[in-house]
Amino acid sequence: MTQRDKGRDEDTTAVSFTGAVRAFGSVRAVDGVDLRIGRGETVALLGRNGAGKSTTIGMLLGLYPPDAGRVELFGTEPEHAVRAGRVGAMLQDARPVPRVTVGELVGFVASRYPAPMPVSRALELAGISALAGRRVDRLSGGQVQRVRFAVALAGDPSLLVLDEPTAALDVEARHVFWESMRGYARRGHTVLFSTHYLEEADSFADRIVVMDRGRIVADGTGEELRRAAGGSLVCVDLAGRTPDALALLPGVRSLEVAGDRVRLRTDDSDATVIALAELGAIRRLEVAPASLDDAFLALTSSAEPGTGPEHRTSAPLDTVKAL
């Protein structure tokens, strides 16, 4: 890459992880992560508990320097971007500040930034204009969560990092939050959020990044992830057949057995059903497209040692990373 190409790439890149590693003792919480997020993208970070999401976010914010590899925000080290006011964060472990009002808190945070968002606008986007005069330590959990959002917006940052932003919010508040987030992203801001609500990732993110055991195992749209993990599910009675034989049917990526029922994850449901018919009677056949939940489980599950093909397995990494 020439110096001009490198400069052009930095101009369009908000977040860059290159071979990033972070260990705590003998545990590699982040294990060789390569990730690029372009400016103006909205990206969801998914993973089971302990997958490395929180550590990845901490590295992005400059809280955990990498043991190996490199992390950059807007072409510079994370702590420099944070100090310059280019990053806003909404973290789960932030505690309410006692004896200050919502307006005072957001105003104080805004005053720390070189070009802050008007406090009234931050409160409006967070849906808490009516709470401006209320003490933060006397609010409900859902209200405090929205105050955290307003605080993250206060500096009008180029990059917004949100850790479980809709936790503790009811359905209506979640809807209002994401409408505000859409408007913020449309102004060209970059958003990275983690969530346990897979439907939020599917609906609001341009890309979904899935982590497992400290590594990125999938990166693409919701539809691409569903295809990578096996696009359809075929359920049928075993009817005396062995799971080993069914695992070899055309299109089958993996399978699960529950009692006398088997669920086949397949890339080609038509070919799988035809092959089932050729084996004999098909009992209680069901065919359905894989959901994002199904894809997530497939991408973050591995066969246990000593198990055969009848047990759940993860999608091949080369298939997923080719997206």
C-alpha atoms as a PDB file:
ATOM      1  CA  MET A   1       0.000   0.000   0.000  1.00  0.00           C
ATOM      2  CA  THR A   2       1.363   3.412  -0.978  1.00  0.00           C
ATOM      3  CA  GLN A   3       1.404   6.325   1.459  1.00  0.00           C
ATOM      4  CA  ARG A   4      -1.402   7.968  -0.536  1.00  0.00           C
ATOM      5  CA  ASP A   5      -3.507   4.780  -0.364  1.00  0.00           C
ATOM      6  CA  LYS A   6      -2.862   4.509   3.358  1.00  0.00           C
ATOM      7  CA  GLY A   7      -3.962   8.091   3.894  1.00  0.00           C
ATOM      8  CA  ARG A   8      -7.120   7.539   1.855  1.00  0.00           C
ATOM      9  CA  ASP A   9      -7.935   4.413   3.891  1.00  0.00           C
ATOM     10  CA  GLU A  10      -7.430   6.314   7.152  1.00  0.00           C
ATOM     11  CA  ASP A  11      -9.774   9.034   5.861  1.00  0.00           C
ATOM     12  CA  THR A  12     -12.599   6.504   5.492  1.00  0.00           C
ATOM     13  CA  THR A  13     -11.845   4.281   8.505  1.00  0.00           C
ATOM     14  CA  ALA A  14     -13.238   5.044  11.949  1.00  0.00           C
ATOM     15  CA  VAL A  15     -12.151   1.887  13.812  1.00  0.00           C
ATOM     16  CA  SER A  16      -9.274  -0.446  13.004  1.00  0.00           C
ATOM     17  CA  PHE A  17      -8.135  -3.576  14.875  1.00  0.00           C
ATOM     18  CA  THR A  18      -5.118  -5.353  13.396  1.00  0.00           C
ATOM     19  CA  GLY A  19      -4.110  -8.643  15.027  1.00  0.00           C
ATOM     20  CA  ALA A  20      -5.220  -7.242  18.387  1.00  0.00           C
ATOM     21  CA  VAL A  21      -4.561  -9.416  21.443  1.00  0.00           C
ATOM     22  CA  ARG A  22      -5.401  -8.776  25.083  1.00  0.00           C
ATOM     23  CA  ALA A  23      -4.861 -11.323  27.849  1.00  0.00           C
ATOM     24  CA  PHE A  24      -5.750 -11.376  31.519  1.00  0.00           C
ATOM     25  CA  GLY A  25      -3.408 -13.853  33.133  1.00  0.00           C
ATOM     26  CA  SER A  26      -3.525 -17.034  31.076  1.00  0.00           C
ATOM     27  CA  VAL A  27      -6.840 -16.125  29.417  1.00  0.00           C
ATOM     28  CA  ARG A  28      -6.810 -14.434  26.017  1.00  0.00           C
ATOM     29  CA  ALA A  29      -9.949 -12.336  26.179  1.00  0.00           C
ATOM     30  CA  VAL A  30      -9.226 -10.953  22.694  1.00  0.00           C
ATOM     31  CA  ASP A  31      -7.261 -13.290  20.469  1.00  0.00           C
ATOM     32  CA  GLY A  32      -6.008 -11.839  17.192  1.00  0.00           C
ATOM     33  CA  VAL A  33      -8.940  -9.619  16.210  1.00  0.00           C
ATOM     34  CA  ASP A  34      -8.902  -7.985  12.774  1.00  0.00           C
ATOM     35  CA  LEU A  35     -11.743  -5.527  12.266  1.00  0.00           C
ATOM     36  CA  ARG A  36     -12.376  -2.398  10.218  1.00  0.00           C
ATOM     37  CA  ILE A  37     -15.391  -0.120  10.631  1.00  0.00           C
ATOM     38  CA  GLY A  38     -15.880   2.618   8.068  1.00  0.00           C
ATOM     39  CA  ARG A  39     -17.019   6.115   8.910  1.00  0.00           C
ATOM     40  CA  GLY A  40     -20.791   6.381   8.979  1.00  0.00           C
ATOM     41  CA  GLU A  41     -21.346   2.653   9.566  1.00  0.00           C
ATOM     42  CA  THR A  42     -23.569   1.230  12.293  1.00  0.00           C
ATOM     43  CA  VAL A  43     -22.135  -2.079  13.506  1.00  0.00           C
ATOM     44  CA  ALA A  44     -23.535  -4.536  16.062  1.00  0.00           C
ATOM     45  CA  LEU A  45     -21.187  -6.633  18.193  1.00  0.00           C
ATOM     46  CA  LEU A  46     -22.674  -9.952  19.284  1.00  0.00           C
ATOM     47  CA  GLY A  47     -21.342 -12.791  21.392  1.00  0.00           C
ATOM     48  CA  ARG A  48     -22.082 -14.957  24.384  1.00  0.00           C
ATOM     49  CA  ASN A  49     -20.992 -13.856  27.851  1.00  0.00           C
ATOM     50  CA  GLY A  50     -17.204 -14.114  27.975  1.00  0.00           C
ATOM     51  CA  ALA A  51     -16.829 -13.944  24.184  1.00  0.00           C
ATOM     52  CA  GLY A  52     -14.583 -10.871  24.396  1.00  0.00           C
ATOM     53  CA  LYS A  53     -17.064  -8.099  23.565  1.00  0.00           C
ATOM     54  CA  SER A  54     -16.456  -5.974  26.664  1.00  0.00           C
ATOM     55  CA  THR A  55     -12.682  -6.288  26.370  1.00  0.00           C
ATOM     56  CA  THR A  56     -12.869  -5.325  22.692  1.00  0.00           C
ATOM     57  CA  ILE A  57     -14.880  -2.233  23.613  1.00  0.00           C
ATOM     58  CA  GLY A  58     -12.400  -1.457  26.402  1.00  0.00           C
ATOM     59  CA  MET A  59      -9.508  -1.670  23.937  1.00  0.00           C
ATOM     60  CA  LEU A  60     -11.367   0.586  21.528  1.00  0.00           C
ATOM     61  CA  LEU A  61     -11.787   3.186  24.286  1.00  0.00           C
ATOM     62  CA  GLY A  62      -8.135   2.982  25.303  1.00  0.00           C
ATOM     63  CA  LEU A  63      -8.900   1.317  28.643  1.00  0.00           C
ATOM     64  CA  TYR A  64      -6.953  -1.844  27.760  1.00  0.00           C
ATOM     65  CA  PRO A  65      -3.871  -1.386  25.574  1.00  0.00           C
ATOM     66  CA  PRO A  66      -3.290  -4.398  23.313  1.00  0.00           C
ATOM     67  CA  ASP A  67      -0.621  -6.908  24.337  1.00  0.00           C
ATOM     68  CA  ALA A  68       0.017  -7.438  20.632  1.00  0.00           C
ATOM     69  CA  GLY A  69      -1.314  -5.980  17.408  1.00  0.00           C
ATOM     70  CA  ARG A  70      -2.746  -2.510  16.965  1.00  0.00           C
ATOM     71  CA  VAL A  71      -5.973  -0.604  17.633  1.00  0.00           C
ATOM     72  CA  GLU A  72      -6.662   2.762  15.987  1.00  0.00           C
ATOM     73  CA  LEU A  73      -9.525   5.252  15.924  1.00  0.00           C
ATOM     74  CA  PHE A  74      -9.547   7.687  13.021  1.00  0.00           C
ATOM     75  CA  GLY A  75      -5.924   6.802  12.260  1.00  0.00           C
ATOM     76  CA  THR A  76      -4.601   7.491  15.755  1.00  0.00           C
ATOM     77  CA  GLU A  77      -4.327   5.725  19.109  1.00  0.00           C
ATOM     78  CA  PRO A  78      -7.634   5.363  20.989  1.00  0.00           C
ATOM     79  CA  GLU A  79      -6.632   7.528  23.949  1.00  0.00           C
ATOM     80  CA  HIS A  80      -5.772  10.397  21.583  1.00  0.00           C
ATOM     81  CA  ALA A  81      -9.156  10.169  19.855  1.00  0.00           C
ATOM     82  CA  VAL A  82     -10.937  10.012  23.218  1.00  0.00           C
ATOM     83  CA  ARG A  83      -9.058  13.053  24.559  1.00  0.00           C
ATOM     84  CA  ALA A  84      -9.884  14.955  21.363  1.00  0.00           C
ATOM     85  CA  GLY A  85     -13.593  14.414  22.034  1.00  0.00           C
ATOM     86  CA  ARG A  86     -14.178  12.224  18.998  1.00  0.00           C
ATOM     87  CA  VAL A  87     -15.624   9.309  20.983  1.00  0.00           C
ATOM     88  CA  GLY A  88     -18.723   9.036  23.168  1.00  0.00           C
ATOM     89  CA  ALA A  89     -19.421   5.928  25.231  1.00  0.00           C
ATOM     90  CA  MET A  90     -22.406   4.456  27.034  1.00  0.00           C
ATOM     91  CA  LEU A  91     -21.190   1.723  29.387  1.00  0.00           C
ATOM     92  CA  GLN A  92     -23.146  -0.640  31.605  1.00  0.00           C
ATOM     93  CA  ASP A  93     -21.098  -0.158  34.775  1.00  0.00           C
ATOM     94  CA  ALA A  94     -21.529   3.638  34.934  1.00  0.00           C
ATOM     95  CA  ARG A  95     -23.185   4.614  38.236  1.00  0.00           C
ATOM     96  CA  PRO A  96     -25.596   7.512  38.772  1.00  0.00           C
ATOM     97  CA  VAL A  97     -23.942  10.663  40.127  1.00  0.00           C
ATOM     98  CA  PRO A  98     -25.545  11.713  43.439  1.00  0.00           C
ATOM     99  CA  ARG A  99     -27.127  15.107  44.105  1.00  0.00           C
ATOM    100  CA  VAL A 100     -26.982  16.487  40.561  1.00  0.00           C
ATOM    101  CA  THR A 101     -29.798  16.972  38.092  1.00  0.00           C
ATOM    102  CA  VAL A 102     -29.941  15.421  34.658  1.00  0.00           C
ATOM    103  CA  GLY A 103     -29.391  18.794  32.996  1.00  0.00           C
ATOM    104  CA  GLU A 104     -26.420  19.606  35.237  1.00  0.00           C
ATOM    105  CA  LEU A 105     -24.760  16.266  34.532  1.00  0.00           C
ATOM    106  CA  VAL A 106     -25.171  16.426  30.760  1.00  0.00           C
ATOM    107  CA  GLY A 107     -24.100  20.077  30.765  1.00  0.00           C
ATOM    108  CA  PHE A 108     -20.966  19.308  32.761  1.00  0.00           C
ATOM    109  CA  VAL A 109     -19.974  16.480  30.415  1.00  0.00           C
ATOM    110  CA  ALA A 110     -20.666  18.663  27.365  1.00  0.00           C
ATOM    111  CA  SER A 111     -18.382  21.375  28.760  1.00  0.00           C
ATOM    112  CA  ARG A 112     -15.450  18.949  28.626  1.00  0.00           C
ATOM    113  CA  TYR A 113     -15.654  18.698  24.823  1.00  0.00           C
ATOM    114  CA  PRO A 114     -14.289  21.156  22.239  1.00  0.00           C
ATOM    115  CA  ALA A 115     -17.463  21.237  20.103  1.00  0.00           C
ATOM    116  CA  PRO A 116     -20.297  19.802  22.191  1.00  0.00           C
ATOM    117  CA  MET A 117     -23.864  19.125  21.226  1.00  0.00           C
ATOM    118  CA  PRO A 118     -26.343  21.592  22.768  1.00  0.00           C
ATOM    119  CA  VAL A 119     -27.562  20.105  26.051  1.00  0.00           C
ATOM    120  CA  SER A 120     -31.190  20.543  25.015  1.00  0.00           C
ATOM    121  CA  ARG A 121     -30.529  18.549  21.841  1.00  0.00           C
ATOM    122  CA  ALA A 122     -28.789  15.713  23.721  1.00  0.00           C
ATOM    123  CA  LEU A 123     -31.709  15.505  26.152  1.00  0.00           C
ATOM    124  CA  GLU A 124     -34.187  15.538  23.262  1.00  0.00           C
ATOM    125  CA  LEU A 125     -32.409  12.754  21.378  1.00  0.00           C
ATOM    126  CA  ALA A 126     -32.305  10.659  24.547  1.00  0.00           C
ATOM    127  CA  GLY A 127     -36.001  11.305  25.165  1.00  0.00           C
ATOM    128  CA  ILE A 128     -35.461  12.871  28.596  1.00  0.00           C
ATOM    129  CA  SER A 129     -36.137  16.584  28.093  1.00  0.00           C
ATOM    130  CA  ALA A 130     -38.827  16.379  30.778  1.00  0.00           C
ATOM    131  CA  LEU A 131     -36.286  14.994  33.255  1.00  0.00           C
ATOM    132  CA  ALA A 132     -33.790  17.863  32.987  1.00  0.00           C
ATOM    133  CA  GLY A 133     -34.539  19.134  36.504  1.00  0.00           C
ATOM    134  CA  ARG A 134     -34.717  15.713  38.176  1.00  0.00           C
ATOM    135  CA  ARG A 135     -31.907  14.307  40.294  1.00  0.00           C
ATOM    136  CA  VAL A 136     -30.107  11.478  38.527  1.00  0.00           C
ATOM    137  CA  ASP A 137     -29.899   9.305  41.646  1.00  0.00           C
ATOM    138  CA  ARG A 138     -33.697   9.346  42.002  1.00  0.00           C
ATOM    139  CA  LEU A 139     -34.528   8.027  38.543  1.00  0.00           C
ATOM    140  CA  SER A 140     -35.685   4.562  37.532  1.00  0.00           C
ATOM    141  CA  GLY A 141     -33.307   2.099  35.882  1.00  0.00           C
ATOM    142  CA  GLY A 142     -34.720   2.789  32.434  1.00  0.00           C
ATOM    143  CA  GLN A 143     -34.479   6.547  32.937  1.00  0.00           C
ATOM    144  CA  VAL A 144     -30.864   6.265  34.106  1.00  0.00           C
ATOM    145  CA  GLN A 145     -30.104   4.274  30.966  1.00  0.00           C
ATOM    146  CA  ARG A 146     -31.408   7.142  28.834  1.00  0.00           C
ATOM    147  CA  VAL A 147     -29.334   9.620  30.857  1.00  0.00           C
ATOM    148  CA  ARG A 148     -26.271   7.538  29.969  1.00  0.00           C
ATOM    149  CA  PHE A 149     -27.235   7.883  26.322  1.00  0.00           C
ATOM    150  CA  ALA A 150     -27.517  11.674  26.654  1.00  0.00           C
ATOM    151  CA  VAL A 151     -24.093  11.772  28.331  1.00  0.00           C
ATOM    152  CA  ALA A 152     -22.624   9.747  25.450  1.00  0.00           C
ATOM    153  CA  LEU A 153     -24.123  12.229  22.977  1.00  0.00           C
ATOM    154  CA  ALA A 154     -23.041  15.340  24.890  1.00  0.00           C
ATOM    155  CA  GLY A 155     -19.775  15.859  23.028  1.00  0.00           C
ATOM    156  CA  ASP A 156     -21.372  15.302  19.594  1.00  0.00           C
ATOM    157  CA  PRO A 157     -18.756  12.591  18.965  1.00  0.00           C
ATOM    158  CA  SER A 158     -17.829  11.153  15.582  1.00  0.00           C
ATOM    159  CA  LEU A 159     -17.916   7.629  17.071  1.00  0.00           C
ATOM    160  CA  LEU A 160     -20.561   6.438  19.509  1.00  0.00           C
ATOM    161  CA  VAL A 161     -19.861   3.233  21.462  1.00  0.00           C
ATOM    162  CA  LEU A 162     -22.874   1.691  23.197  1.00  0.00           C
ATOM    163  CA  ASP A 163     -22.678  -1.306  25.546  1.00  0.00           C
ATOM    164  CA  GLU A 164     -26.131  -2.932  25.824  1.00  0.00           C
ATOM    165  CA  PRO A 165     -27.857   0.430  25.221  1.00  0.00           C
ATOM    166  CA  THR A 166     -31.448  -0.793  25.579  1.00  0.00           C
ATOM    167  CA  ALA A 167     -30.979  -2.879  28.727  1.00  0.00           C
ATOM    168  CA  ALA A 168     -33.642  -1.927  31.311  1.00  0.00           C
ATOM    169  CA  LEU A 169     -35.751  -0.150  28.672  1.00  0.00           C
ATOM    170  CA  ASP A 170     -39.332  -1.191  27.985  1.00  0.00           C
ATOM    171  CA  VAL A 171     -40.551  -1.876  24.457  1.00  0.00           C
ATOM    172  CA  GLU A 172     -41.745   1.683  23.815  1.00  0.00           C
ATOM    173  CA  ALA A 173     -38.528   3.226  25.161  1.00  0.00           C
ATOM    174  CA  ARG A 174     -36.459   0.858  23.018  1.00  0.00           C
ATOM    175  CA  HIS A 175     -38.389   1.970  19.934  1.00  0.00           C
ATOM    176  CA  VAL A 176     -37.818   5.653  20.766  1.00  0.00           C
ATOM    177  CA  PHE A 177     -34.132   4.984  21.399  1.00  0.00           C
ATOM    178  CA  TRP A 178     -33.558   3.346  18.026  1.00  0.00           C
ATOM    179  CA  GLU A 179     -35.460   6.052  16.177  1.00  0.00           C
ATOM    180  CA  SER A 180     -33.108   8.593  17.783  1.00  0.00           C
ATOM    181  CA  MET A 181     -30.123   6.431  16.914  1.00  0.00           C
ATOM    182  CA  ARG A 182     -31.190   6.209  13.275  1.00  0.00           C
ATOM    183  CA  GLY A 183     -31.335   9.988  13.091  1.00  0.00           C
ATOM    184  CA  TYR A 184     -27.915  10.318  14.685  1.00  0.00           C
ATOM    185  CA  ALA A 185     -26.359   7.774  12.321  1.00  0.00           C
ATOM    186  CA  ARG A 186     -27.906   9.483   9.283  1.00  0.00           C
ATOM    187  CA  ARG A 187     -25.795  12.545  10.089  1.00  0.00           C
ATOM    188  CA  GLY A 188     -22.717  10.503   9.167  1.00  0.00           C
ATOM    189  CA  HIS A 189     -21.713   9.361  12.638  1.00  0.00           C
ATOM    190  CA  THR A 190     -20.227   5.932  13.304  1.00  0.00           C
ATOM    191  CA  VAL A 191     -21.992   3.689  15.828  1.00  0.00           C
ATOM    192  CA  LEU A 192     -20.768   0.471  17.442  1.00  0.00           C
ATOM    193  CA  PHE A 193     -23.167  -1.240  19.835  1.00  0.00           C
ATOM    194  CA  SER A 194     -23.317  -4.535  21.675  1.00  0.00           C
ATOM    195  CA  THR A 195     -26.673  -6.122  22.427  1.00  0.00           C
ATOM    196  CA  HIS A 196     -28.371  -9.323  23.546  1.00  0.00           C
ATOM    197  CA  TYR A 197     -31.418  -8.455  21.436  1.00  0.00           C
ATOM    198  CA  LEU A 198     -30.598 -10.091  18.119  1.00  0.00           C
ATOM    199  CA  GLU A 199     -33.599  -8.492  16.416  1.00  0.00           C
ATOM    200  CA  GLU A 200     -32.078  -5.084  17.208  1.00  0.00           C
ATOM    201  CA  ALA A 201     -28.842  -6.061  15.513  1.00  0.00           C
ATOM    202  CA  ASP A 202     -30.744  -7.338  12.490  1.00  0.00           C
ATOM    203  CA  SER A 203     -32.937  -4.242  12.218  1.00  0.00           C
ATOM    204  CA  PHE A 204     -30.556  -1.393  13.005  1.00  0.00           C
ATOM    205  CA  ALA A 205     -27.018  -2.457  12.090  1.00  0.00           C
ATOM    206  CA  ASP A 206     -25.398  -2.226   8.672  1.00  0.00           C
ATOM    207  CA  ARG A 207     -23.157  -5.122   9.716  1.00  0.00           C
ATOM    208  CA  ILE A 208     -23.144  -7.697  12.488  1.00  0.00           C
ATOM    209  CA  VAL A 209     -19.843  -8.871  13.974  1.00  0.00           C
ATOM    210  CA  VAL A 210     -20.011 -12.097  15.999  1.00  0.00           C
ATOM    211  CA  MET A 211     -17.315 -12.931  18.555  1.00  0.00           C
ATOM    212  CA  ASP A 212     -16.617 -16.296  20.167  1.00  0.00           C
ATOM    213  CA  ARG A 213     -13.726 -17.140  22.494  1.00  0.00           C
ATOM    214  CA  GLY A 214     -11.999 -13.847  21.791  1.00  0.00           C
ATOM    215  CA  ARG A 215     -12.119 -14.151  18.003  1.00  0.00           C
ATOM    216  CA  ILE A 216     -14.358 -12.828  15.258  1.00  0.00           C
ATOM    217  CA  VAL A 217     -16.193 -15.786  13.738  1.00  0.00           C
ATOM    218  CA  ALA A 218     -18.583 -13.880  11.472  1.00  0.00           C
ATOM    219  CA  ASP A 219     -18.859 -10.425   9.940  1.00  0.00           C
ATOM    220  CA  GLY A 220     -21.664  -9.491   7.566  1.00  0.00           C
ATOM    221  CA  THR A 221     -25.315  -8.552   7.259  1.00  0.00           C
ATOM    222  CA  GLY A 222     -27.980 -10.549   9.055  1.00  0.00           C
ATOM    223  CA  GLU A 223     -28.881 -12.293   5.808  1.00  0.00           C
ATOM    224  CA  GLU A 224     -25.246 -13.172   5.109  1.00  0.00           C
ATOM    225  CA  LEU A 225     -24.870 -14.641   8.591  1.00  0.00           C
ATOM    226  CA  ARG A 226     -28.002 -16.728   8.159  1.00  0.00           C
ATOM    227  CA  ARG A 227     -26.661 -18.102   4.876  1.00  0.00           C
ATOM    228  CA  ALA A 228     -23.226 -18.772   6.341  1.00  0.00           C
ATOM    229  CA  ALA A 229     -24.686 -20.774   9.217  1.00  0.00           C
ATOM    230  CA  GLY A 230     -27.025 -22.764   6.979  1.00  0.00           C
ATOM    231  CA  GLY A 231     -29.911 -20.977   5.339  1.00  0.00           C
ATOM    232  CA  SER A 232     -32.772 -23.357   6.238  1.00  0.00           C
ATOM    233  CA  LEU A 233     -33.890 -25.749   8.953  1.00  0.00           C
ATOM    234  CA  VAL A 234     -35.461 -29.102   8.089  1.00  0.00           C
ATOM    235  CA  CYS A 235     -37.131 -30.944  10.978  1.00  0.00           C
ATOM    236  CA  VAL A 236     -38.346 -34.531  10.697  1.00  0.00           C
ATOM    237  CA  ASP A 237     -38.942 -37.642  12.801  1.00  0.00           C
ATOM    238  CA  LEU A 238     -35.981 -39.981  12.947  1.00  0.00           C
ATOM    239  CA  ALA A 239     -38.282 -42.967  12.253  1.00  0.00           C
ATOM    240  CA  GLY A 240     -35.567 -45.453  13.085  1.00  0.00           C
ATOM    241  CA  ARG A 241     -32.889 -43.772  10.993  1.00  0.00           C
ATOM    242  CA  THR A 242     -29.486 -43.038  12.517  1.00  0.00           C
ATOM    243  CA  PRO A 243     -28.288 -39.436  12.834  1.00  0.00           C
ATOM    244  CA  ASP A 244     -24.966 -40.414  11.253  1.00  0.00           C
ATOM    245  CA  ALA A 245     -26.715 -41.237   7.984  1.00  0.00           C
ATOM    246  CA  LEU A 246     -28.720 -38.009   7.981  1.00  0.00           C
ATOM    247  CA  ALA A 247     -25.609 -35.916   8.550  1.00  0.00           C
ATOM    248  CA  LEU A 248     -24.364 -37.030   5.115  1.00  0.00           C
ATOM    249  CA  LEU A 249     -27.434 -35.854   3.193  1.00  0.00           C
ATOM    250  CA  PRO A 250     -26.963 -33.187   0.495  1.00  0.00           C
ATOM    251  CA  GLY A 251     -26.789 -29.651   1.843  1.00  0.00           C
ATOM    252  CA  VAL A 252     -26.670 -30.600   5.526  1.00  0.00           C
ATOM    253  CA  ARG A 253     -24.314 -28.384   7.517  1.00  0.00           C
ATOM    254  CA  SER A 254     -25.088 -29.675  11.018  1.00  0.00           C
ATOM    255  CA  LEU A 255     -27.863 -31.337  12.961  1.00  0.00           C
ATOM    256  CA  GLU A 256     -29.403 -31.623  16.392  1.00  0.00           C
ATOM    257  CA  VAL A 257     -31.350 -34.519  17.891  1.00  0.00           C
ATOM    258  CA  ALA A 258     -34.114 -34.034  20.458  1.00  0.00           C
ATOM    259  CA  GLY A 259     -35.924 -37.240  21.381  1.00  0.00           C
ATOM    260  CA  ASP A 260     -37.242 -38.789  18.186  1.00  0.00           C
ATOM    261  CA  ARG A 261     -36.921 -35.540  16.197  1.00  0.00           C
ATOM    262  CA  VAL A 262     -33.934 -34.297  14.237  1.00  0.00           C
ATOM    263  CA  ARG A 263     -33.300 -30.742  13.055  1.00  0.00           C
ATOM    264  CA  LEU A 264     -31.051 -30.402  10.023  1.00  0.00           C
ATOM    265  CA  ARG A 265     -29.347 -27.105   9.238  1.00  0.00           C
ATOM    266  CA  THR A 266     -28.958 -27.077   5.461  1.00  0.00           C
ATOM    267  CA  ASP A 267     -27.700 -24.900   2.638  1.00  0.00           C
ATOM    268  CA  ASP A 268     -30.176 -26.505   0.200  1.00  0.00           C
ATOM    269  CA  SER A 269     -33.477 -27.508   1.777  1.00  0.00           C
ATOM    270  CA  ASP A 270     -34.888 -28.850  -1.513  1.00  0.00           C
ATOM    271  CA  ALA A 271     -31.976 -31.255  -1.988  1.00  0.00           C
ATOM    272  CA  THR A 272     -32.153 -32.310   1.656  1.00  0.00           C
ATOM    273  CA  VAL A 273     -35.904 -33.026   1.530  1.00  0.00           C
ATOM    274  CA  ILE A 274     -35.588 -34.986  -1.740  1.00  0.00           C
ATOM    275  CA  ALA A 275     -32.817 -37.093  -0.210  1.00  0.00           C
ATOM    276  CA  LEU A 276     -34.945 -37.692   2.897  1.00  0.00           C
ATOM    277  CA  ALA A 277     -37.817 -38.874   0.697  1.00  0.00           C
ATOM    278  CA  GLU A 278     -35.513 -41.331  -1.057  1.00  0.00           C
ATOM    279  CA  LEU A 279     -34.599 -42.822   2.329  1.00  0.00           C
ATOM    280  CA  GLY A 280     -38.221 -43.709   3.051  1.00  0.00           C
ATOM    281  CA  ALA A 281     -41.303 -42.249   4.678  1.00  0.00           C
ATOM    282  CA  ILE A 282     -41.050 -38.666   5.878  1.00  0.00           C
ATOM    283  CA  ARG A 283     -42.916 -38.089   9.116  1.00  0.00           C
ATOM    284  CA  ARG A 284     -43.893 -34.646  10.424  1.00  0.00           C
ATOM    285  CA  LEU A 285     -41.694 -32.723   8.016  1.00  0.00           C
ATOM    286  CA  GLU A 286     -41.156 -29.030   8.728  1.00  0.00           C
ATOM    287  CA  VAL A 287     -39.043 -26.635   6.652  1.00  0.00           C
ATOM    288  CA  ALA A 288     -38.323 -23.077   7.778  1.00  0.00           C
ATOM    289  CA  PRO A 289     -35.736 -20.388   7.068  1.00  0.00           C
ATOM    290  CA  ALA A 290     -33.050 -20.062   9.710  1.00  0.00           C
ATOM    291  CA  SER A 291     -33.480 -17.085  12.025  1.00  0.00           C
ATOM    292  CA  LEU A 292     -30.655 -14.868  13.207  1.00  0.00           C
ATOM    293  CA  ASP A 293     -30.957 -16.615  16.583  1.00  0.00           C
ATOM    294  CA  ASP A 294     -30.357 -19.941  14.823  1.00  0.00           C
ATOM    295  CA  ALA A 295     -27.362 -18.505  12.991  1.00  0.00           C
ATOM    296  CA  PHE A 296     -25.936 -17.044  16.202  1.00  0.00           C
ATOM    297  CA  LEU A 297     -26.193 -20.384  18.006  1.00  0.00           C
ATOM    298  CA  ALA A 298     -24.566 -22.206  15.096  1.00  0.00           C
ATOM    299  CA  LEU A 299     -21.729 -19.696  14.805  1.00  0.00           C
ATOM    300  CA  THR A 300     -20.905 -19.707  18.512  1.00  0.00           C
ATOM    301  CA  SER A 301     -21.279 -23.434  19.274  1.00  0.00           C
ATOM    302  CA  SER A 302     -18.668 -26.144  18.823  1.00  0.00           C
ATOM    303  CA  ALA A 303     -18.872 -29.900  18.957  1.00  0.00           C
ATOM    304  CA  GLU A 304     -17.718 -31.332  22.259  1.00  0.00           C
ATOM    305  CA  PRO A 305     -14.709 -33.650  22.233  1.00  0.00           C
ATOM    306  CA  GLY A 306     -15.590 -37.164  21.262  1.00  0.00           C
ATOM    307  CA  THR A 307     -18.993 -36.360  19.800  1.00  0.00           C
ATOM    308  CA  GLY A 308     -20.155 -37.384  16.389  1.00  0.00           C
ATOM    309  CA  PRO A 309     -21.930 -35.510  13.610  1.00  0.00           C
ATOM    310  CA  GLU A 310     -25.265 -35.789  15.385  1.00  0.00           C
ATOM    311  CA  HIS A 311     -24.160 -33.041  17.750  1.00  0.00           C
ATOM    312  CA  ARG A 312     -24.310 -29.343  17.004  1.00  0.00           C
ATOM    313  CA  THR A 313     -21.250 -27.933  15.287  1.00  0.00           C
ATOM    314  CA  SER A 314     -20.222 -24.451  14.294  1.00  0.00           C
ATOM    315  CA  ALA A 315     -20.239 -23.211  10.734  1.00  0.00           C
ATOM    316  CA  PRO A 316     -16.847 -23.532   9.015  1.00  0.00           C
ATOM    317  CA  LEU A 317     -14.829 -20.388   9.676  1.00  0.00           C
ATOM    318  CA  ASP A 318     -13.551 -20.167   6.110  1.00  0.00           C
ATOM    319  CA  THR A 319     -17.140 -20.011   4.874  1.00  0.00           C
ATOM    320  CA  VAL A 320     -18.098 -17.287   7.333  1.00  0.00           C
ATOM    321  CA  LYS A 321     -14.999 -15.154   6.874  1.00  0.00           C
ATOM    322  CA  ALA A 322     -15.408 -15.273   3.119  1.00  0.00           C
ATOM    323  CA  LEU A 323     -18.506 -13.085   3.392  1.00  0.00           C
END
